[in-house]
Amino acid sequence: MATQYKHIEHIDVNDDGILEQVAVVKRWEDGSLSYIDISTLGDIDKGRLKAIISSQHSDKYELWELMDQTTLSNGLNALGFFHNSFIEMKLSQNAKAARYGGGLETARFKETGSIIGAEFSDPSSGIKEGDAGFGNVIR
């Protein structure tokens, strides 16, 4: 169900029959949906989102594009800020398990018998006390 803002809709994101007010960040080709559940936002973040979706050209672009081009008053990119904490995904029935490059099932590796990280050495080895090397206290 649409609202007065292009990017705000009421959608049953939990498949429980209850429509939630969400900001539609992106609709994927396979029918999946990236969204922000408005009820999870505090007043400041609701204000930030409302400023983005009610901007002059907000009706011409997808929300992810608008957010990517917006710097918040805290100096952070809006897409990065909201993505880290609030953007969720509703997968469609046609969604693939992994969009890009497949999952771990397709990864190949060669058993070498060596310990991971064994090629690294202790950076302080070979430095004598009193040397002005990395990680040493000069006395």
Protein backbone atom coordinates (compact mmCIF):
# COMPACT_ATOMS: atom_id res chain seq x y z
CA MET A 1 0.00 0.00 0.00
CA ALA A 2 1.48 3.35 -1.07
CA THR A 3 1.69 6.51 1.03
CA GLN A 4 2.17 10.20 0.24
CA TYR A 5 5.91 9.57 -0.13
CA LYS A 6 7.17 7.55 -3.09
CA HIS A 7 9.59 5.45 -1.01
CA ILE A 8 7.31 4.70 1.95
CA GLU A 9 4.97 1.72 1.76
CA HIS A 10 3.03 -0.60 4.02
CA ILE A 11 4.30 -4.13 3.38
CA ASP A 12 3.97 -7.51 5.12
CA VAL A 13 7.74 -7.95 5.49
CA ASN A 14 7.48 -10.71 8.12
CA ASP A 15 4.86 -12.78 6.27
CA ASP A 16 2.60 -12.62 9.33
CA GLY A 17 -0.29 -10.70 7.77
CA ILE A 18 0.65 -7.42 9.48
CA LEU A 19 1.54 -4.49 7.26
CA GLU A 20 4.61 -2.59 8.47
CA GLN A 21 5.50 0.93 7.39
CA VAL A 22 8.84 0.63 5.59
CA ALA A 23 11.11 2.77 3.46
CA VAL A 24 11.83 0.82 0.28
CA VAL A 25 15.57 1.23 -0.31
CA LYS A 26 15.78 -1.03 -3.39
CA ARG A 27 13.71 -3.56 -5.28
CA TRP A 28 15.97 -6.23 -6.74
CA GLU A 29 15.49 -7.90 -10.12
CA ASP A 30 14.57 -11.22 -8.49
CA GLY A 31 11.76 -9.56 -6.49
CA SER A 32 13.70 -9.25 -3.22
CA LEU A 33 13.37 -6.05 -1.23
CA SER A 34 15.86 -3.98 0.76
CA TYR A 35 13.98 -1.84 3.27
CA ILE A 36 14.10 0.11 6.51
CA ASP A 37 11.44 -0.68 9.12
CA ILE A 38 10.33 2.81 10.18
CA SER A 39 9.34 1.59 13.66
CA THR A 40 12.98 0.72 14.45
CA LEU A 41 14.15 4.32 13.94
CA GLY A 42 14.52 6.92 16.67
CA ASP A 43 13.19 10.44 16.21
CA ILE A 44 16.49 11.83 14.88
CA ASP A 45 16.85 9.06 12.29
CA LYS A 46 13.19 9.40 11.26
CA GLY A 47 13.87 13.08 10.65
CA ARG A 48 16.97 12.28 8.61
CA LEU A 49 15.05 9.78 6.48
CA LYS A 50 12.09 12.14 6.02
CA ALA A 51 14.45 14.89 4.82
CA ILE A 52 15.84 12.49 2.21
CA ILE A 53 12.50 11.17 0.93
CA SER A 54 10.92 14.63 0.79
CA SER A 55 13.83 16.31 -1.00
CA GLN A 56 13.22 18.13 -4.26
CA HIS A 57 14.06 15.28 -6.65
CA SER A 58 13.21 12.30 -4.45
CA ASP A 59 10.47 11.16 -6.81
CA LYS A 60 12.98 10.65 -9.65
CA TYR A 61 15.40 8.21 -7.98
CA GLU A 62 15.41 5.03 -5.95
CA LEU A 63 16.00 5.58 -2.24
CA TRP A 64 19.43 3.93 -2.27
CA GLU A 65 20.57 6.47 -4.88
CA LEU A 66 19.21 9.39 -2.88
CA MET A 67 20.91 8.11 0.27
CA ASP A 68 24.20 7.53 -1.54
CA GLN A 69 24.24 11.20 -2.60
CA THR A 70 23.33 12.54 0.87
CA THR A 71 25.70 13.54 3.65
CA LEU A 72 24.05 13.64 7.08
CA SER A 73 24.63 16.40 9.62
CA ASN A 74 26.98 14.04 11.49
CA GLY A 75 29.24 13.94 8.41
CA LEU A 76 28.38 10.35 7.45
CA ASN A 77 27.07 9.17 4.10
CA ALA A 78 23.36 8.39 4.57
CA LEU A 79 23.49 5.05 2.73
CA GLY A 80 26.45 3.87 4.79
CA PHE A 81 24.87 5.06 8.03
CA PHE A 82 21.48 3.44 7.48
CA HIS A 83 22.95 0.29 5.90
CA ASN A 84 25.07 -0.46 8.97
CA SER A 85 22.15 -0.49 11.38
CA PHE A 86 18.75 -0.41 9.75
CA ILE A 87 18.51 -1.85 6.24
CA GLU A 88 16.94 -5.30 6.16
CA MET A 89 16.24 -7.70 3.32
CA LYS A 90 13.10 -9.60 2.40
CA LEU A 91 14.00 -12.34 -0.07
CA SER A 92 11.54 -13.27 -2.77
CA GLN A 93 10.67 -16.85 -3.62
CA ASN A 94 12.86 -16.44 -6.73
CA ALA A 95 15.90 -15.22 -4.77
CA LYS A 96 19.19 -16.98 -5.23
CA ALA A 97 21.11 -18.01 -2.11
CA ALA A 98 24.10 -15.89 -3.09
CA ARG A 99 23.87 -13.09 -5.63
CA TYR A 100 27.49 -12.64 -6.61
CA GLY A 101 30.04 -15.41 -7.01
CA GLY A 102 28.10 -18.10 -5.21
CA GLY A 103 28.39 -19.13 -1.59
CA LEU A 104 31.07 -21.09 0.25
CA GLU A 105 29.80 -24.26 -1.37
CA THR A 106 31.45 -23.22 -4.65
CA ALA A 107 34.78 -22.21 -3.07
CA ARG A 108 37.77 -24.44 -3.75
CA PHE A 109 40.83 -24.70 -1.58
CA LYS A 110 43.97 -26.76 -1.46
CA GLU A 111 44.95 -28.41 1.80
CA THR A 112 48.56 -27.42 2.45
CA GLY A 113 49.05 -28.70 5.97
CA SER A 114 50.47 -25.37 7.12
CA ILE A 115 49.00 -23.21 9.82
CA ILE A 116 47.06 -20.19 8.60
CA GLY A 117 49.18 -17.11 9.23
CA ALA A 118 52.39 -19.14 9.54
CA GLU A 119 53.97 -17.07 6.78
CA PHE A 120 53.95 -14.06 9.09
CA SER A 121 56.69 -13.55 11.63
CA ASP A 122 56.95 -11.61 14.86
CA PRO A 123 57.90 -8.05 13.83
CA SER A 124 59.87 -7.57 17.02
CA SER A 125 62.17 -10.55 16.40
CA GLY A 126 65.76 -9.56 15.68
CA ILE A 127 65.48 -6.22 17.50
CA LYS A 128 67.73 -5.88 20.51
CA GLU A 129 66.84 -3.96 23.65
CA GLY A 130 67.62 -0.30 23.19
CA ASP A 131 67.12 -0.35 19.41
CA ALA A 132 64.80 2.35 18.15
CA GLY A 133 62.82 -0.15 16.08
CA PHE A 134 59.10 -0.59 15.67
CA GLY A 135 57.28 -1.35 18.90
CA ASN A 136 60.21 -0.62 21.18
CA VAL A 137 60.43 1.91 23.94
CA ILE A 138 63.40 4.21 23.60
CA ARG A 139 65.08 4.64 26.99
